[in-house]
Amino acid sequence: MSVQINDKLKSKNKSRLLKNAIKAINTKQEETIQKANKIIGDVESFEQEITKKFISYS
């Protein structure tokens, strides 16, 4: 009886641990994507500024 309860408890704890790990990974991934999108936006803005300056010198 106690062996079965311990096995179920261990399984439940592992399941909870994996769910939390997946949530943490997804959260970190979302943060990374947001940072990457900001960098891309900054580069695009910089590129537009340089293009405008280059065209104005022509």
N, C-alpha and C. Protein backbone atom coordinates (compact mmCIF):
# COMPACT_ATOMS: atom_id res chain seq x y z
N MET A 1 0.82 -1.17 0.00
CA MET A 1 0.00 0.00 0.00
C MET A 1 0.88 1.26 0.00
N SER A 2 1.80 1.35 0.94
CA SER A 2 2.63 2.55 1.03
C SER A 2 3.55 2.69 -0.17
N VAL A 3 3.96 1.60 -0.76
CA VAL A 3 4.83 1.66 -1.93
C VAL A 3 4.07 2.28 -3.09
N GLN A 4 2.83 1.91 -3.28
CA GLN A 4 2.01 2.47 -4.36
C GLN A 4 1.78 3.96 -4.13
N ILE A 5 1.52 4.35 -2.91
CA ILE A 5 1.30 5.77 -2.61
C ILE A 5 2.57 6.56 -2.88
N ASN A 6 3.71 6.02 -2.46
CA ASN A 6 4.98 6.71 -2.70
C ASN A 6 5.26 6.84 -4.19
N ASP A 7 4.97 5.80 -4.96
CA ASP A 7 5.18 5.85 -6.41
C ASP A 7 4.28 6.91 -7.05
N LYS A 8 3.04 6.98 -6.61
CA LYS A 8 2.11 7.97 -7.15
C LYS A 8 2.58 9.39 -6.79
N LEU A 9 3.04 9.53 -5.57
CA LEU A 9 3.51 10.84 -5.11
C LEU A 9 4.76 11.26 -5.88
N LYS A 10 5.67 10.34 -6.10
CA LYS A 10 6.88 10.63 -6.87
C LYS A 10 6.51 11.03 -8.30
N SER A 11 5.58 10.29 -8.87
CA SER A 11 5.15 10.58 -10.24
C SER A 11 4.50 11.96 -10.32
N LYS A 12 3.68 12.28 -9.33
CA LYS A 12 3.02 13.59 -9.30
C LYS A 12 4.05 14.71 -9.15
N ASN A 13 5.05 14.49 -8.30
CA ASN A 13 6.10 15.50 -8.11
C ASN A 13 6.92 15.70 -9.38
N LYS A 14 7.23 14.60 -10.06
CA LYS A 14 7.99 14.69 -11.32
C LYS A 14 7.18 15.45 -12.36
N SER A 15 5.89 15.14 -12.41
CA SER A 15 5.02 15.81 -13.37
C SER A 15 4.97 17.31 -13.08
N ARG A 16 4.83 17.67 -11.83
CA ARG A 16 4.78 19.08 -11.44
C ARG A 16 6.11 19.76 -11.77
N LEU A 17 7.21 19.07 -11.50
CA LEU A 17 8.53 19.62 -11.79
C LEU A 17 8.69 19.87 -13.29
N LEU A 18 8.28 18.91 -14.10
CA LEU A 18 8.40 19.08 -15.55
C LEU A 18 7.52 20.22 -16.05
N LYS A 19 6.30 20.32 -15.53
CA LYS A 19 5.41 21.41 -15.94
C LYS A 19 6.03 22.76 -15.59
N ASN A 20 6.58 22.87 -14.40
CA ASN A 20 7.21 24.13 -13.99
C ASN A 20 8.44 24.44 -14.83
N ALA A 21 9.19 23.40 -15.16
CA ALA A 21 10.38 23.60 -16.00
C ALA A 21 9.99 24.08 -17.38
N ILE A 22 8.93 23.51 -17.93
CA ILE A 22 8.45 23.92 -19.25
C ILE A 22 7.96 25.36 -19.21
N LYS A 23 7.24 25.72 -18.16
CA LYS A 23 6.77 27.10 -18.02
C LYS A 23 7.95 28.06 -17.96
N ALA A 24 8.97 27.70 -17.19
CA ALA A 24 10.15 28.56 -17.05
C ALA A 24 10.86 28.72 -18.39
N ILE A 25 10.98 27.63 -19.12
CA ILE A 25 11.63 27.68 -20.44
C ILE A 25 10.83 28.56 -21.39
N ASN A 26 9.51 28.39 -21.39
CA ASN A 26 8.67 29.19 -22.27
C ASN A 26 8.75 30.68 -21.93
N THR A 27 8.79 30.98 -20.65
CA THR A 27 8.90 32.38 -20.21
C THR A 27 10.22 32.97 -20.67
N LYS A 28 11.29 32.23 -20.47
CA LYS A 28 12.62 32.71 -20.89
C LYS A 28 12.68 32.87 -22.40
N GLN A 29 12.06 31.94 -23.12
CA GLN A 29 12.04 32.00 -24.57
C GLN A 29 11.29 33.25 -25.04
N GLU A 30 10.17 33.55 -24.40
CA GLU A 30 9.40 34.74 -24.76
C GLU A 30 10.20 36.01 -24.50
N GLU A 31 10.91 36.06 -23.37
CA GLU A 31 11.76 37.21 -23.08
C GLU A 31 12.84 37.38 -24.14
N THR A 32 13.43 36.28 -24.55
CA THR A 32 14.49 36.31 -25.56
C THR A 32 13.94 36.80 -26.89
N ILE A 33 12.75 36.34 -27.25
CA ILE A 33 12.12 36.77 -28.50
C ILE A 33 11.84 38.27 -28.46
N GLN A 34 11.34 38.76 -27.33
CA GLN A 34 11.07 40.19 -27.19
C GLN A 34 12.34 41.01 -27.32
N LYS A 35 13.42 40.55 -26.70
CA LYS A 35 14.70 41.25 -26.80
C LYS A 35 15.20 41.26 -28.24
N ALA A 36 15.07 40.12 -28.91
CA ALA A 36 15.52 40.02 -30.30
C ALA A 36 14.70 40.95 -31.19
N ASN A 37 13.40 41.00 -30.97
CA ASN A 37 12.55 41.90 -31.76
C ASN A 37 12.91 43.36 -31.53
N LYS A 38 13.27 43.71 -30.31
CA LYS A 38 13.69 45.08 -30.03
C LYS A 38 14.99 45.41 -30.75
N ILE A 39 15.92 44.47 -30.73
CA ILE A 39 17.19 44.68 -31.43
C ILE A 39 16.94 44.84 -32.93
N ILE A 40 16.09 44.00 -33.48
CA ILE A 40 15.77 44.09 -34.91
C ILE A 40 15.15 45.45 -35.22
N GLY A 41 14.23 45.89 -34.36
CA GLY A 41 13.61 47.20 -34.56
C GLY A 41 14.62 48.31 -34.49
N ASP A 42 15.55 48.23 -33.55
CA ASP A 42 16.59 49.25 -33.42
C ASP A 42 17.48 49.28 -34.66
N VAL A 43 17.83 48.12 -35.17
CA VAL A 43 18.68 48.05 -36.37
C VAL A 43 17.94 48.62 -37.57
N GLU A 44 16.65 48.30 -37.70
CA GLU A 44 15.87 48.83 -38.81
C GLU A 44 15.76 50.35 -38.73
N SER A 45 15.56 50.87 -37.53
CA SER A 45 15.49 52.32 -37.35
C SER A 45 16.82 52.97 -37.72
N PHE A 46 17.91 52.38 -37.27
CA PHE A 46 19.24 52.88 -37.59
C PHE A 46 19.47 52.86 -39.10
N GLU A 47 19.06 51.77 -39.73
CA GLU A 47 19.23 51.63 -41.17
C GLU A 47 18.44 52.72 -41.91
N GLN A 48 17.24 53.01 -41.45
CA GLN A 48 16.43 54.05 -42.08
C GLN A 48 17.09 55.42 -41.93
N GLU A 49 17.63 55.71 -40.74
CA GLU A 49 18.30 56.99 -40.51
C GLU A 49 19.51 57.14 -41.44
N ILE A 50 20.29 56.08 -41.54
CA ILE A 50 21.49 56.12 -42.39
C ILE A 50 21.08 56.30 -43.85
N THR A 51 20.03 55.60 -44.26
CA THR A 51 19.56 55.71 -45.64
C THR A 51 19.12 57.13 -45.94
N LYS A 52 18.37 57.75 -45.01
CA LYS A 52 17.91 59.14 -45.21
C LYS A 52 19.11 60.07 -45.32
N LYS A 53 20.11 59.89 -44.45
CA LYS A 53 21.30 60.75 -44.49
C LYS A 53 22.06 60.56 -45.80
N PHE A 54 22.17 59.31 -46.24
CA PHE A 54 22.89 59.01 -47.47
C PHE A 54 22.18 59.65 -48.66
N ILE A 55 20.84 59.55 -48.69
CA ILE A 55 20.07 60.12 -49.80
C ILE A 55 20.19 61.65 -49.77
N SER A 56 20.20 62.25 -48.59
CA SER A 56 20.27 63.71 -48.50
C SER A 56 21.63 64.23 -48.96
N TYR A 57 22.68 63.42 -48.88
CA TYR A 57 24.01 63.83 -49.35
C TYR A 57 24.15 63.70 -50.85
N SER A 58 23.28 62.91 -51.45
CA SER A 58 23.42 62.66 -52.91
C SER A 58 23.02 63.84 -53.73
